[in-house]
Each structure stands twice: as C-alpha cells, then as structure tokens.
Amino acid sequence: MRWVHDVKGRYYQAHLVEDLFGAWTLITVWGALDSRRGGMHSTAVDSHADGVARIERIAKRRHRHGYRPVAL
C-alpha cells in the first residue's frame, strides 16, 4: 500500500513480506516526494492476518491525516 499527501508533498508505504522461514514482517517507508529524505522501519508480526490488520490501521490513520491511497 502507498499513500500520498499532495499538499505536504509526503508519502507513506507499508509492505507485508514473508521471509524464507515463513515469518512475516511489516516494512514501513516514509519521506518527501521531492527529495531523498525519509526513513524505514521493519516490525515482526505474528501472522499474515496480524500484518493485514496493522496495514488497515495504518490506512485509517493516513486517511485521517489527509493522505490518499495510490497504486504502486
């Protein structure tokens, strides 16, 4: 998932990935649209369903802060 805030020129992304051992990780990336500044954070999640639930909470929070979803 990717969200963009047009007025502030910011973006936020969330990716749910499975490693070779079957463990799930939520990776979040954020930054400015017009620069290379930004950050990344990875969090281990208990299951795919837990990761999806976290992404849904992120989507709600991004929407409340004025971000719009965009296709990757």
Protein backbone atom coordinates (compact mmCIF):
# COMPACT_ATOMS: atom_id res chain seq x y z
CA MET A 1 0.00 0.00 0.00
CA ARG A 2 1.11 3.56 -0.69
CA TRP A 3 -0.38 6.86 0.44
CA VAL A 4 0.47 10.38 -0.70
CA HIS A 5 -0.22 13.75 0.91
CA ASP A 6 -0.30 16.17 -2.04
CA VAL A 7 -0.29 19.40 0.00
CA LYS A 8 2.65 18.44 2.19
CA GLY A 9 4.49 16.55 -0.55
CA ARG A 10 4.88 13.43 1.60
CA TYR A 11 4.40 9.70 1.07
CA TYR A 12 3.99 6.62 3.27
CA GLN A 13 4.24 2.96 2.23
CA ALA A 14 3.54 -0.32 4.01
CA HIS A 15 4.66 -3.73 2.76
CA LEU A 16 3.94 -7.12 4.30
CA VAL A 17 6.63 -9.67 3.38
CA GLU A 18 7.30 -13.30 4.26
CA ASP A 19 10.87 -14.45 4.74
CA LEU A 20 12.37 -17.82 3.80
CA PHE A 21 11.44 -19.28 7.18
CA GLY A 22 7.76 -18.32 6.97
CA ALA A 23 7.94 -15.38 9.38
CA TRP A 24 6.07 -12.19 8.46
CA THR A 25 7.50 -8.68 8.59
CA LEU A 26 5.75 -5.33 8.16
CA ILE A 27 8.00 -2.79 6.47
CA THR A 28 7.01 0.89 6.55
CA VAL A 29 8.72 3.57 4.47
CA TRP A 30 8.08 7.32 4.52
CA GLY A 31 9.54 10.51 3.15
CA ALA A 32 9.22 13.57 0.93
CA LEU A 33 8.12 13.31 -2.70
CA ASP A 34 10.69 15.80 -3.97
CA SER A 35 13.79 14.67 -2.04
CA ARG A 36 15.64 11.57 -0.96
CA ARG A 37 14.93 12.23 2.72
CA GLY A 38 12.87 9.67 4.55
CA GLY A 39 13.02 6.60 6.71
CA MET A 40 12.22 2.93 7.00
CA HIS A 41 11.16 0.66 9.84
CA SER A 42 10.57 -3.09 9.96
CA THR A 43 8.43 -4.86 12.54
CA ALA A 44 7.97 -8.59 13.04
CA VAL A 45 4.29 -9.56 13.10
CA ASP A 46 2.76 -12.76 14.47
CA SER A 47 0.92 -13.79 11.30
CA HIS A 48 -0.25 -12.64 7.88
CA ALA A 49 -3.64 -11.73 9.40
CA ASP A 50 -1.93 -9.61 12.08
CA GLY A 51 0.07 -7.82 9.38
CA VAL A 52 -3.06 -7.11 7.32
CA ALA A 53 -4.83 -5.76 10.42
CA ARG A 54 -1.88 -3.43 11.09
CA ILE A 55 -1.95 -2.17 7.49
CA GLU A 56 -5.67 -1.47 7.83
CA ARG A 57 -4.99 0.61 10.97
CA ILE A 58 -2.22 2.46 9.13
CA ALA A 59 -4.62 3.17 6.23
CA LYS A 60 -7.20 4.66 8.61
CA ARG A 61 -4.56 6.83 10.29
CA ARG A 62 -3.15 8.03 6.94
CA HIS A 63 -6.69 8.91 5.78
CA ARG A 64 -7.32 10.93 8.95
CA HIS A 65 -4.09 12.87 8.28
CA GLY A 66 -5.08 13.80 4.72
CA TYR A 67 -3.23 11.14 2.73
CA ARG A 68 -4.82 9.49 -0.30
CA PRO A 69 -4.13 5.92 -1.43
CA VAL A 70 -2.27 5.45 -4.74
CA ALA A 71 -1.42 2.37 -6.78
CA LEU A 72 2.15 1.10 -6.55
